Amino acid sequence: MRDVVAYLARSLVDEPDRVTVAELEGVRGLVYEVRAAPTDVGKLIGRGGRTVRALRRVVRAVGQREGRRVELEVLAEDE
């Protein structure tokens, strides 16, 4: 699923080679941290948060099929 999240995120931004996806095991389940260039974070979030909500829905749906709780976070990469 990490590859799918990375593919979707990279297809939305201007600088796809700066997108990284980390898979972390949290207390409440699996967390995918998507880091992108500060100028691209807005593109991942989308107008009114629509894009990030859609990405989260996809990730949660796949997680439910696997019987896991999955979350997605969008962060700006440190410069």
Protein backbone atom coordinates (compact mmCIF):
# COMPACT_ATOMS: atom_id res chain seq x y z
CA MET A 1 0.00 0.00 0.00
CA ARG A 2 2.97 2.30 0.61
CA ASP A 3 3.75 2.23 -3.11
CA VAL A 4 0.18 3.19 -3.99
CA VAL A 5 0.26 6.15 -1.58
CA ALA A 6 3.60 7.26 -3.05
CA TYR A 7 2.30 6.94 -6.62
CA LEU A 8 -0.83 8.97 -5.89
CA ALA A 9 1.10 11.68 -4.03
CA ARG A 10 3.77 11.96 -6.73
CA SER A 11 1.16 12.32 -9.44
CA LEU A 12 -0.34 15.37 -7.69
CA VAL A 13 2.77 17.51 -7.08
CA ASP A 14 5.19 19.58 -9.17
CA GLU A 15 8.33 18.02 -7.63
CA PRO A 16 7.60 14.28 -7.45
CA ASP A 17 11.18 13.30 -6.61
CA ARG A 18 10.92 15.20 -3.32
CA VAL A 19 7.95 13.11 -2.12
CA THR A 20 8.71 10.46 0.48
CA VAL A 21 6.35 8.08 2.23
CA ALA A 22 7.22 6.57 5.60
CA GLU A 23 5.29 3.66 7.07
CA LEU A 24 5.14 3.87 10.87
CA GLU A 25 3.48 1.53 13.33
CA GLY A 26 1.62 3.72 15.80
CA VAL A 27 -0.31 2.99 18.96
CA ARG A 28 -3.62 3.25 17.13
CA GLY A 29 -2.52 1.50 13.94
CA LEU A 30 -0.46 2.02 10.82
CA VAL A 31 0.44 5.60 9.87
CA TYR A 32 1.68 6.74 6.46
CA GLU A 33 3.63 10.00 6.60
CA VAL A 34 3.75 11.72 3.23
CA ARG A 35 6.43 14.40 3.06
CA ALA A 36 6.62 16.80 0.13
CA ALA A 37 8.25 20.08 -0.76
CA PRO A 38 6.70 22.97 1.18
CA THR A 39 5.36 24.43 -2.07
CA ASP A 40 3.60 21.13 -2.91
CA VAL A 41 1.89 20.50 0.42
CA GLY A 42 -1.05 22.65 -0.63
CA LYS A 43 -1.54 20.52 -3.73
CA LEU A 44 -1.72 17.39 -1.60
CA ILE A 45 -4.20 18.99 0.75
CA GLY A 46 -6.32 20.51 -2.01
CA ARG A 47 -8.96 23.18 -1.88
CA GLY A 48 -10.79 22.85 1.41
CA GLY A 49 -8.92 19.62 2.14
CA ARG A 50 -10.74 17.66 -0.53
CA THR A 51 -7.67 15.95 -1.98
CA VAL A 52 -6.25 14.78 1.34
CA ARG A 53 -9.69 13.55 2.42
CA ALA A 54 -9.93 11.47 -0.77
CA LEU A 55 -6.44 10.05 -0.21
CA ARG A 56 -7.36 9.19 3.39
CA ARG A 57 -10.54 7.45 2.26
CA VAL A 58 -8.59 5.25 -0.14
CA VAL A 59 -6.00 4.37 2.51
CA ARG A 60 -8.63 3.61 5.15
CA ALA A 61 -10.65 1.46 2.74
CA VAL A 62 -7.62 -0.66 1.89
CA GLY A 63 -6.76 -0.89 5.58
CA GLN A 64 -10.26 -2.08 6.43
CA ARG A 65 -9.98 -4.86 3.87
CA GLU A 66 -6.81 -5.97 5.67
CA GLY A 67 -8.44 -5.57 9.09
CA ARG A 68 -6.13 -2.73 10.16
CA ARG A 69 -6.59 0.87 11.15
CA VAL A 70 -4.61 3.07 8.77
CA GLU A 71 -4.07 6.82 8.83
CA LEU A 72 -2.40 9.28 6.46
CA GLU A 73 -0.53 12.45 7.41
CA VAL A 74 0.78 15.11 5.03
CA LEU A 75 3.86 17.02 6.14
CA ALA A 76 6.27 19.52 4.60
CA GLU A 77 9.79 18.18 4.27
CA ASP A 78 12.47 19.90 6.29
CA GLU A 79 14.76 22.11 4.29
